[in-house]
Amino acid sequence: MAFMKSALLVCITAVAVLYLPILWTKPLPVLISGTTAPGFEPVLQLYRENFANGVEYPIGGSAFSVYYKGSKVVDIWGGYADSEALRPWMENTMAVVFSTTKGVAATCMALLVDRGQLDYDRTVASYWPEFAQEGKENITVRMLLSHEAGLPYTSKVITQEILGDQEALSQVLAESPPVWEPGTAHGYHTLTFGLYASQLLRRADPKHRTLGKFFKEEIAEPFGIDFFIGTPFESFYRVGRLTGDISGVVATLLKGMGDPLNREIVYAMIMGTNKDLATSFERFSLNAMENYRRAEVLALENPSAGGVGTARGIAKLFGILANGGQTIGGQRLLSEDVISKFIGESKAPSLDRTVGIQTAVNLGYTITKSDGVEQFGHPGSGGMQGRADPQRKLSFGYVSSYHSPFGLGNDQRFLTLQKATYECVQQIEGQ
């Protein structure tokens, strides 16, 4: 009996310690900052409402930015970079953007194409002879960047040590065989896309730089893009502390079962039609979300999912692309001819054998449709986004420290703001 009383006392004490403080914890004040150009004020108002009505998560922070016809028209941020430390989201706060990094990497590859140093229709092996192993000799650059190469995972596990050693990484990638016959299907190269792209870029670039260094020297610094692929230790203090659904891919998907896309993926996993997805994560040792809280992990170049930046930086980059490849000051990043290929040469949506849903991907970008027009860009795990609408010369960047269950472009935090932005543009253009 004495034992039972002691056990009951321990349980009551544990409950009190864990849950009673919540009853006396006051909600954190909502902090919203930033600016909008005339005509875009409804976007800021909706952003405030999203924090008030629970669309935005109260223990996280976020930022949203829009460029229109080359000019920044929305630049807003709110919430907390670290709610536990009461550190508010600031103008220069960055976030881990996961697969939105792929869209940045694709832009680096396009820049090489524009310079005549890379050809989408030549074989990867013509630049990187070692790549021809295991039946990969006929894989073209286009196939690789469009997720058609059959290389969603490697034959060996990519460890932190391998990721930090370019020669060791190059060998593992070159030795890995295709999972399916290249060119016959597309399947999301979740954690290998950027690794292969970087090794290819090293061979095609006359200076033999890694993709992260190439991006820094050729795009980020010349165009003022606040984004890193390989975050310097001295900039780590600016990164919002990752929180939210970071317990694992399956658990995250299950938490988002209210969304049709998440249900499709879970169903595909149950039916075994996207078995490559699980193996993709098994073969990459840093896939656990907790790793992306570590400075030494973010310092590594991971062009598939390790990019860090501001919403402003992402929107600015895609804004240049949406504006015909140049800034309003006339500084050119890409030619209109190359940019026209991103949507113009894309295929209709078809079954992605890795993810298990219908997707359209081309040359490293995902192709989507909003407000009746096509966009190119890339979503990121947890709700991150970077998108360009070349028809309206419009671009979007959304980042958050809160990792939501929605990583396929289906996060309402972004979608509501995007919808409000299009409504503002329609009003401005008199449509």
Protein backbone atom coordinates (compact mmCIF):
# COMPACT_ATOMS: atom_id res chain seq x y z
CA MET A 1 0.00 0.00 0.00
CA ALA A 2 2.86 2.37 0.84
CA PHE A 3 4.36 1.62 -2.59
CA MET A 4 1.07 2.44 -4.33
CA LYS A 5 0.81 5.74 -2.47
CA SER A 6 4.37 6.64 -3.42
CA ALA A 7 3.77 5.74 -7.07
CA LEU A 8 0.57 7.81 -7.11
CA LEU A 9 2.41 10.75 -5.58
CA VAL A 10 5.14 10.50 -8.23
CA CYS A 11 2.54 10.46 -11.02
CA ILE A 12 0.66 13.46 -9.60
CA THR A 13 3.94 15.36 -9.19
CA ALA A 14 4.97 14.55 -12.78
CA VAL A 15 1.65 15.75 -14.16
CA ALA A 16 1.86 18.91 -12.09
CA VAL A 17 5.38 19.68 -13.23
CA LEU A 18 4.60 19.03 -16.91
CA TYR A 19 1.15 20.51 -17.35
CA LEU A 20 0.21 22.95 -14.59
CA PRO A 21 2.68 25.63 -15.74
CA ILE A 22 0.81 25.73 -19.05
CA LEU A 23 -2.29 26.97 -17.24
CA TRP A 24 -0.41 30.02 -16.00
CA THR A 25 1.60 30.61 -19.17
CA LYS A 26 0.43 33.69 -20.98
CA PRO A 27 0.35 33.54 -24.79
CA LEU A 28 3.33 35.26 -26.33
CA PRO A 29 2.56 38.65 -27.83
CA VAL A 30 2.26 38.62 -31.61
CA LEU A 31 5.11 40.58 -33.17
CA ILE A 32 4.65 41.63 -36.79
CA SER A 33 6.99 43.89 -38.77
CA GLY A 34 7.80 44.81 -42.35
CA THR A 35 6.45 46.85 -45.21
CA THR A 36 4.20 46.57 -48.25
CA ALA A 37 3.99 48.72 -51.37
CA PRO A 38 0.74 50.61 -52.05
CA GLY A 39 -1.93 48.17 -53.15
CA PHE A 40 -0.48 45.22 -51.24
CA GLU A 41 -1.66 46.21 -47.75
CA PRO A 42 -4.23 43.33 -47.65
CA VAL A 43 -1.34 40.85 -47.63
CA LEU A 44 0.02 42.33 -44.40
CA GLN A 45 -3.46 42.35 -42.90
CA LEU A 46 -3.96 38.68 -43.75
CA TYR A 47 -0.53 37.85 -42.32
CA ARG A 48 -1.60 39.42 -39.02
CA GLU A 49 -4.86 37.45 -39.11
CA ASN A 50 -2.97 34.22 -39.77
CA PHE A 51 -1.11 34.67 -36.49
CA ALA A 52 -4.32 35.59 -34.69
CA ASN A 53 -6.45 32.69 -35.97
CA GLY A 54 -3.90 29.88 -35.74
CA VAL A 55 -2.92 29.50 -39.39
CA GLU A 56 0.56 30.57 -38.31
CA TYR A 57 1.94 28.55 -35.41
CA PRO A 58 2.40 30.64 -32.22
CA ILE A 59 5.67 29.01 -31.14
CA GLY A 60 7.34 29.72 -34.48
CA GLY A 61 8.19 32.65 -36.67
CA SER A 62 8.08 33.27 -40.39
CA ALA A 63 8.68 35.72 -43.19
CA PHE A 64 7.00 36.35 -46.53
CA SER A 65 8.34 38.39 -49.42
CA VAL A 66 7.09 39.24 -52.91
CA TYR A 67 8.74 40.85 -55.93
CA TYR A 68 6.57 42.28 -58.71
CA LYS A 69 8.03 43.47 -62.02
CA GLY A 70 11.45 43.49 -60.43
CA SER A 71 10.53 45.53 -57.35
CA LYS A 72 10.03 44.34 -53.79
CA VAL A 73 6.37 44.93 -52.89
CA VAL A 74 5.91 42.76 -49.79
CA ASP A 75 8.52 42.19 -47.09
CA ILE A 76 6.96 41.09 -43.80
CA TRP A 77 7.99 38.95 -40.85
CA GLY A 78 6.62 37.96 -37.47
CA GLY A 79 6.66 35.60 -34.52
CA TYR A 80 9.76 34.21 -32.90
CA ALA A 81 13.07 32.92 -34.16
CA ASP A 82 13.25 31.08 -30.81
CA SER A 83 10.15 31.24 -28.65
CA GLU A 84 11.83 29.44 -25.74
CA ALA A 85 14.46 32.17 -25.55
CA LEU A 86 11.89 34.87 -26.44
CA ARG A 87 14.05 35.82 -29.41
CA PRO A 88 11.79 37.61 -31.91
CA TRP A 89 12.02 37.11 -35.65
CA MET A 90 14.09 39.97 -37.03
CA GLU A 91 14.50 41.52 -40.45
CA ASN A 92 17.67 39.48 -41.07
CA THR A 93 16.50 36.19 -39.52
CA MET A 94 17.08 33.20 -41.78
CA ALA A 95 15.54 29.73 -41.86
CA VAL A 96 16.52 26.29 -43.10
CA VAL A 97 14.52 25.94 -46.32
CA PHE A 98 15.12 22.25 -47.06
CA SER A 99 14.21 21.34 -50.66
CA THR A 100 13.61 24.93 -51.72
CA THR A 101 17.41 24.74 -51.99
CA LYS A 102 16.93 22.60 -55.11
CA GLY A 103 15.42 25.55 -56.96
CA VAL A 104 18.50 27.61 -56.12
CA ALA A 105 20.77 24.77 -57.25
CA ALA A 106 18.82 24.47 -60.52
CA THR A 107 19.47 28.17 -61.15
CA CYS A 108 23.21 27.60 -60.79
CA MET A 109 23.05 24.83 -63.38
CA ALA A 110 21.02 27.07 -65.70
CA LEU A 111 23.69 29.76 -65.43
CA LEU A 112 26.31 27.29 -66.68
CA VAL A 113 24.00 26.37 -69.57
CA ASP A 114 23.54 30.04 -70.41
CA ARG A 115 27.30 30.47 -70.56
CA GLY A 116 27.73 27.50 -72.88
CA GLN A 117 29.65 25.53 -70.26
CA LEU A 118 26.90 22.94 -69.79
CA ASP A 119 24.36 21.43 -72.20
CA TYR A 120 21.10 19.96 -70.92
CA ASP A 121 21.13 17.34 -73.71
CA ARG A 122 24.71 16.11 -73.37
CA THR A 123 25.48 13.13 -71.16
CA VAL A 124 26.62 13.68 -67.60
CA ALA A 125 29.54 11.33 -68.30
CA SER A 126 30.83 13.64 -71.03
CA TYR A 127 31.69 16.10 -68.25
CA TRP A 128 32.26 13.55 -65.48
CA PRO A 129 33.65 10.30 -66.97
CA GLU A 130 33.55 8.35 -63.67
CA PHE A 131 29.78 8.80 -63.61
CA ALA A 132 29.40 6.28 -66.47
CA GLN A 133 29.71 3.32 -64.07
CA GLU A 134 26.84 0.89 -63.45
CA GLY A 135 24.92 1.67 -66.65
CA LYS A 136 24.76 5.44 -66.24
CA GLU A 137 26.67 6.30 -69.42
CA ASN A 138 23.58 7.50 -71.34
CA ILE A 139 22.05 9.66 -68.62
CA THR A 140 21.79 13.23 -69.85
CA VAL A 141 22.02 16.39 -67.81
CA ARG A 142 18.32 16.95 -68.52
CA MET A 143 17.42 13.52 -67.11
CA LEU A 144 19.50 14.11 -64.00
CA LEU A 145 18.04 17.53 -63.26
CA SER A 146 14.49 16.36 -64.06
CA HIS A 147 14.68 13.47 -61.56
CA GLU A 148 14.60 10.87 -64.36
CA ALA A 149 18.06 9.37 -63.78
CA GLY A 150 16.88 6.66 -61.39
CA LEU A 151 19.23 7.83 -58.62
CA PRO A 152 16.99 8.67 -55.64
CA TYR A 153 19.49 7.09 -53.27
CA THR A 154 23.07 5.86 -53.22
CA SER A 155 24.48 2.37 -52.73
CA LYS A 156 26.22 3.49 -49.52
CA VAL A 157 24.93 5.63 -46.69
CA ILE A 158 25.93 9.28 -47.03
CA THR A 159 27.41 10.19 -43.65
CA GLN A 160 28.38 13.59 -42.31
CA GLU A 161 32.02 12.72 -42.98
CA ILE A 162 31.34 11.79 -46.62
CA LEU A 163 29.26 14.92 -47.15
CA GLY A 164 32.22 16.99 -46.02
CA ASP A 165 34.70 15.22 -48.31
CA GLN A 166 34.11 16.08 -51.98
CA GLU A 167 36.30 13.29 -53.33
CA ALA A 168 34.74 10.58 -51.16
CA LEU A 169 31.27 11.88 -52.02
CA SER A 170 32.10 11.91 -55.72
CA GLN A 171 33.17 8.26 -55.56
CA VAL A 172 30.00 7.10 -53.77
CA LEU A 173 27.79 8.93 -56.26
CA ALA A 174 29.69 7.63 -59.29
CA GLU A 175 29.56 4.02 -58.06
CA SER A 176 25.81 3.99 -57.34
CA PRO A 177 23.60 2.17 -59.90
CA PRO A 178 20.22 3.46 -61.12
CA VAL A 179 17.16 2.11 -59.33
CA TRP A 180 15.11 2.19 -62.55
CA GLU A 181 16.01 2.50 -66.22
CA PRO A 182 17.03 6.13 -66.71
CA GLY A 183 14.62 8.21 -68.76
CA THR A 184 11.67 5.86 -68.39
CA ALA A 185 10.11 7.52 -65.33
CA HIS A 186 10.65 10.32 -62.88
CA GLY A 187 11.02 9.94 -59.15
CA TYR A 188 12.00 12.60 -56.67
CA HIS A 189 15.75 12.54 -55.94
CA THR A 190 15.00 13.77 -52.44
CA LEU A 191 18.49 13.91 -50.96
CA THR A 192 20.71 13.14 -53.94
CA PHE A 193 19.64 15.79 -56.47
CA GLY A 194 21.91 18.52 -55.19
CA LEU A 195 24.81 16.19 -54.53
CA TYR A 196 24.90 15.00 -58.14
CA ALA A 197 24.32 18.53 -59.42
CA SER A 198 27.26 19.85 -57.42
CA GLN A 199 29.63 17.15 -58.66
CA LEU A 200 28.54 17.82 -62.24
CA LEU A 201 29.00 21.56 -61.75
CA ARG A 202 32.54 20.99 -60.42
CA ARG A 203 33.45 19.36 -63.75
CA ALA A 204 31.67 21.88 -66.00
CA ASP A 205 32.76 25.03 -64.19
CA PRO A 206 36.15 26.25 -65.47
CA LYS A 207 37.11 27.09 -61.86
CA HIS A 208 35.93 23.65 -60.58
CA ARG A 209 33.98 25.13 -57.69
CA THR A 210 31.40 23.33 -55.60
CA LEU A 211 27.82 24.39 -56.15
CA GLY A 212 27.70 26.31 -52.87
CA LYS A 213 30.82 28.29 -53.68
CA PHE A 214 29.66 28.88 -57.26
CA PHE A 215 26.34 30.21 -55.99
CA LYS A 216 28.05 32.53 -53.52
CA GLU A 217 30.50 33.98 -56.03
CA GLU A 218 28.33 34.11 -59.16
CA ILE A 219 24.85 34.82 -57.80
CA ALA A 220 24.59 35.63 -54.09
CA GLU A 221 27.30 38.27 -53.86
CA PRO A 222 26.81 40.00 -57.26
CA PHE A 223 23.02 40.17 -56.90
CA GLY A 224 22.72 40.63 -53.14
CA ILE A 225 20.86 37.36 -52.46
CA ASP A 226 20.77 36.61 -48.73
CA PHE A 227 21.05 32.84 -48.99
CA PHE A 228 23.70 30.21 -48.25
CA ILE A 229 24.41 26.68 -49.40
CA GLY A 230 26.89 25.99 -46.63
CA THR A 231 26.16 28.50 -43.87
CA PRO A 232 29.22 30.20 -42.34
CA PHE A 233 29.56 29.65 -38.58
CA GLU A 234 29.56 33.40 -38.04
CA SER A 235 26.06 33.62 -39.60
CA PHE A 236 24.52 30.78 -37.61
CA TYR A 237 23.16 33.16 -34.95
CA ARG A 238 20.72 34.48 -37.56
CA VAL A 239 19.05 31.08 -38.13
CA GLY A 240 15.66 30.54 -36.51
CA ARG A 241 15.60 27.55 -34.15
CA LEU A 242 13.80 24.74 -35.93
CA THR A 243 10.70 23.59 -34.10
CA GLY A 244 7.35 21.95 -34.86
CA ASP A 245 6.95 18.57 -36.56
CA ILE A 246 10.52 17.29 -36.54
CA SER A 247 9.96 13.77 -35.21
CA GLY A 248 10.35 12.01 -38.57
CA VAL A 249 8.92 11.80 -42.07
CA VAL A 250 6.16 9.28 -41.37
CA ALA A 251 5.05 10.95 -38.14
CA THR A 252 4.99 14.32 -39.88
CA LEU A 253 2.88 13.01 -42.76
CA LEU A 254 0.42 11.43 -40.34
CA LYS A 255 -0.01 14.74 -38.52
CA GLY A 256 -0.99 16.29 -41.83
CA MET A 257 -3.51 13.64 -42.83
CA GLY A 258 -6.19 16.28 -43.17
CA ASP A 259 -4.59 17.31 -46.45
CA PRO A 260 -5.28 15.26 -49.63
CA LEU A 261 -1.62 15.27 -50.79
CA ASN A 262 -0.40 13.89 -47.49
CA ARG A 263 -3.07 11.20 -47.60
CA GLU A 264 -1.96 10.19 -51.10
CA ILE A 265 1.64 9.78 -49.97
CA VAL A 266 0.68 7.76 -46.89
CA TYR A 267 -1.57 5.57 -49.04
CA ALA A 268 1.28 5.02 -51.49
CA MET A 269 3.53 4.02 -48.60
CA ILE A 270 0.95 1.53 -47.36
CA MET A 271 0.54 0.08 -50.86
CA GLY A 272 4.30 -0.02 -51.40
CA THR A 273 4.20 2.09 -54.58
CA ASN A 274 6.74 4.62 -53.29
CA LYS A 275 9.20 2.34 -51.55
CA ASP A 276 12.10 4.42 -52.85
CA LEU A 277 11.12 7.20 -50.43
CA ALA A 278 11.94 5.24 -47.29
CA THR A 279 15.26 4.02 -48.73
CA SER A 280 16.15 7.58 -49.74
CA PHE A 281 16.03 8.65 -46.10
CA GLU A 282 17.75 5.51 -44.86
CA ARG A 283 20.75 6.15 -47.10
CA PHE A 284 21.28 9.71 -45.84
CA SER A 285 22.42 9.78 -42.23
CA LEU A 286 21.55 13.44 -41.62
CA ASN A 287 17.87 13.23 -42.54
CA ALA A 288 16.69 13.61 -38.91
CA MET A 289 15.30 17.12 -38.54
CA GLU A 290 17.18 17.69 -35.27
CA ASN A 291 20.41 17.78 -37.30
CA TYR A 292 19.32 21.03 -38.91
CA ARG A 293 19.64 22.78 -35.57
CA ARG A 294 23.39 22.15 -35.62
CA ALA A 295 25.82 24.74 -36.96
CA GLU A 296 28.28 22.11 -38.16
CA VAL A 297 25.59 20.42 -40.27
CA LEU A 298 24.36 23.66 -41.83
CA ALA A 299 27.97 24.57 -42.61
CA LEU A 300 28.19 21.56 -44.93
CA GLU A 301 27.18 22.01 -48.55
CA ASN A 302 23.95 20.11 -49.06
CA PRO A 303 22.37 21.55 -52.24
CA SER A 304 19.48 19.11 -51.93
CA ALA A 305 18.07 20.26 -48.62
CA GLY A 306 20.53 22.29 -46.55
CA GLY A 307 20.09 25.82 -47.85
CA VAL A 308 19.57 28.66 -45.38
CA GLY A 309 18.25 32.10 -46.22
CA THR A 310 15.66 34.81 -45.87
CA ALA A 311 12.29 34.96 -47.60
CA ARG A 312 13.51 38.22 -49.10
CA GLY A 313 16.57 36.54 -50.60
CA ILE A 314 14.50 33.74 -52.13
CA ALA A 315 11.87 36.11 -53.54
CA LYS A 316 14.59 38.38 -54.92
CA LEU A 317 16.30 35.50 -56.75
CA PHE A 318 13.07 34.19 -58.26
CA GLY A 319 11.97 37.76 -58.88
CA ILE A 320 14.95 38.27 -61.17
CA LEU A 321 14.00 35.11 -63.07
CA ALA A 322 10.35 36.17 -63.25
CA ASN A 323 11.45 39.56 -64.59
CA GLY A 324 13.04 38.05 -67.69
CA GLY A 325 16.34 37.22 -65.99
CA GLN A 326 17.43 40.71 -65.03
CA THR A 327 17.03 43.25 -62.25
CA ILE A 328 15.16 46.50 -62.80
CA GLY A 329 18.59 48.12 -62.97
CA GLY A 330 19.49 45.99 -65.99
CA GLN A 331 21.90 43.56 -64.27
CA ARG A 332 21.38 40.23 -66.04
CA LEU A 333 21.48 36.83 -64.36
CA LEU A 334 19.98 34.55 -67.05
CA SER A 335 18.82 34.97 -70.62
CA GLU A 336 15.13 34.86 -71.42
CA ASP A 337 15.83 31.93 -73.74
CA VAL A 338 17.08 29.71 -70.92
CA ILE A 339 14.32 30.82 -68.56
CA SER A 340 11.69 29.97 -71.19
CA LYS A 341 12.83 26.33 -71.07
CA PHE A 342 11.83 25.87 -67.42
CA ILE A 343 8.10 25.88 -68.16
CA GLY A 344 8.14 25.72 -71.96
CA GLU A 345 9.93 22.37 -72.13
CA SER A 346 8.23 20.77 -69.11
CA LYS A 347 6.13 17.62 -69.39
CA ALA A 348 2.59 17.14 -68.16
CA PRO A 349 2.23 15.93 -64.55
CA SER A 350 2.77 12.20 -64.13
CA LEU A 351 3.23 9.74 -61.30
CA ASP A 352 6.33 10.37 -59.25
CA ARG A 353 7.49 6.87 -58.33
CA THR A 354 9.41 8.09 -55.27
CA VAL A 355 6.73 10.23 -53.65
CA GLY A 356 3.70 8.41 -55.07
CA ILE A 357 1.71 11.40 -56.36
CA GLN A 358 1.33 13.23 -59.68
CA THR A 359 4.00 15.91 -60.13
CA ALA A 360 5.58 17.95 -62.90
CA VAL A 361 9.31 18.61 -62.66
CA ASN A 362 11.73 20.05 -65.19
CA LEU A 363 15.41 20.99 -65.12
CA GLY A 364 15.45 21.08 -61.33
CA TYR A 365 12.23 23.07 -60.79
CA THR A 366 8.75 21.93 -59.83
CA ILE A 367 6.06 23.24 -62.17
CA THR A 368 2.77 24.29 -60.61
CA LYS A 369 -0.23 26.41 -61.53
CA SER A 370 -1.75 29.24 -59.52
CA ASP A 371 -4.25 31.92 -60.50
CA GLY A 372 -4.52 30.19 -63.87
CA VAL A 373 -0.85 30.62 -64.80
CA GLU A 374 2.13 28.31 -64.50
CA GLN A 375 4.95 28.87 -62.03
CA PHE A 376 8.37 27.34 -61.56
CA GLY A 377 10.27 27.07 -58.30
CA HIS A 378 10.50 24.59 -55.45
CA PRO A 379 8.70 23.82 -52.18
CA GLY A 380 10.61 22.74 -49.12
CA SER A 381 9.84 20.39 -46.25
CA GLY A 382 7.86 22.05 -43.49
CA GLY A 383 6.13 24.59 -45.73
CA MET A 384 9.03 26.56 -47.25
CA GLN A 385 8.55 28.07 -50.70
CA GLY A 386 10.27 29.85 -53.57
CA ARG A 387 8.25 30.47 -56.75
CA ALA A 388 8.36 32.52 -59.94
CA ASP A 389 5.46 33.48 -62.20
CA PRO A 390 7.06 34.83 -65.39
CA GLN A 391 3.70 35.73 -66.95
CA ARG A 392 2.90 38.27 -64.24
CA LYS A 393 6.58 38.91 -63.38
CA LEU A 394 5.79 37.88 -59.83
CA SER A 395 7.82 35.92 -57.27
CA PHE A 396 7.32 34.59 -53.76
CA GLY A 397 9.50 33.55 -50.85
CA TYR A 398 8.19 32.02 -47.63
CA VAL A 399 10.28 30.67 -44.75
CA SER A 400 9.52 29.65 -41.18
CA SER A 401 11.21 28.22 -38.12
CA TYR A 402 8.13 26.07 -37.55
CA HIS A 403 8.31 22.85 -39.56
CA SER A 404 4.72 22.04 -40.50
CA PRO A 405 3.39 18.69 -41.84
CA PHE A 406 2.95 20.27 -45.27
CA GLY A 407 5.99 20.22 -47.52
CA LEU A 408 4.56 19.79 -51.01
CA GLY A 409 3.44 23.35 -51.58
CA ASN A 410 0.25 22.58 -49.67
CA ASP A 411 0.89 24.71 -46.57
CA GLN A 412 -1.96 27.13 -45.90
CA ARG A 413 0.41 29.66 -44.36
CA PHE A 414 1.92 30.22 -47.81
CA LEU A 415 -1.14 29.49 -49.96
CA THR A 416 -3.35 32.07 -48.24
CA LEU A 417 -0.69 34.77 -48.63
CA GLN A 418 -0.08 33.83 -52.26
CA LYS A 419 -3.81 34.04 -53.00
CA ALA A 420 -4.06 37.45 -51.36
CA THR A 421 -1.07 38.65 -53.38
CA TYR A 422 -2.66 37.60 -56.67
CA GLU A 423 -5.85 39.41 -55.69
CA CYS A 424 -3.84 42.56 -55.08
CA VAL A 425 -2.13 42.23 -58.46
CA GLN A 426 -5.50 41.79 -60.18
CA GLN A 427 -6.76 44.97 -58.53
CA ILE A 428 -3.64 46.87 -59.54
CA GLU A 429 -3.84 45.63 -63.14
CA GLY A 430 -7.57 46.35 -63.28
CA GLN A 431 -8.66 42.79 -63.96
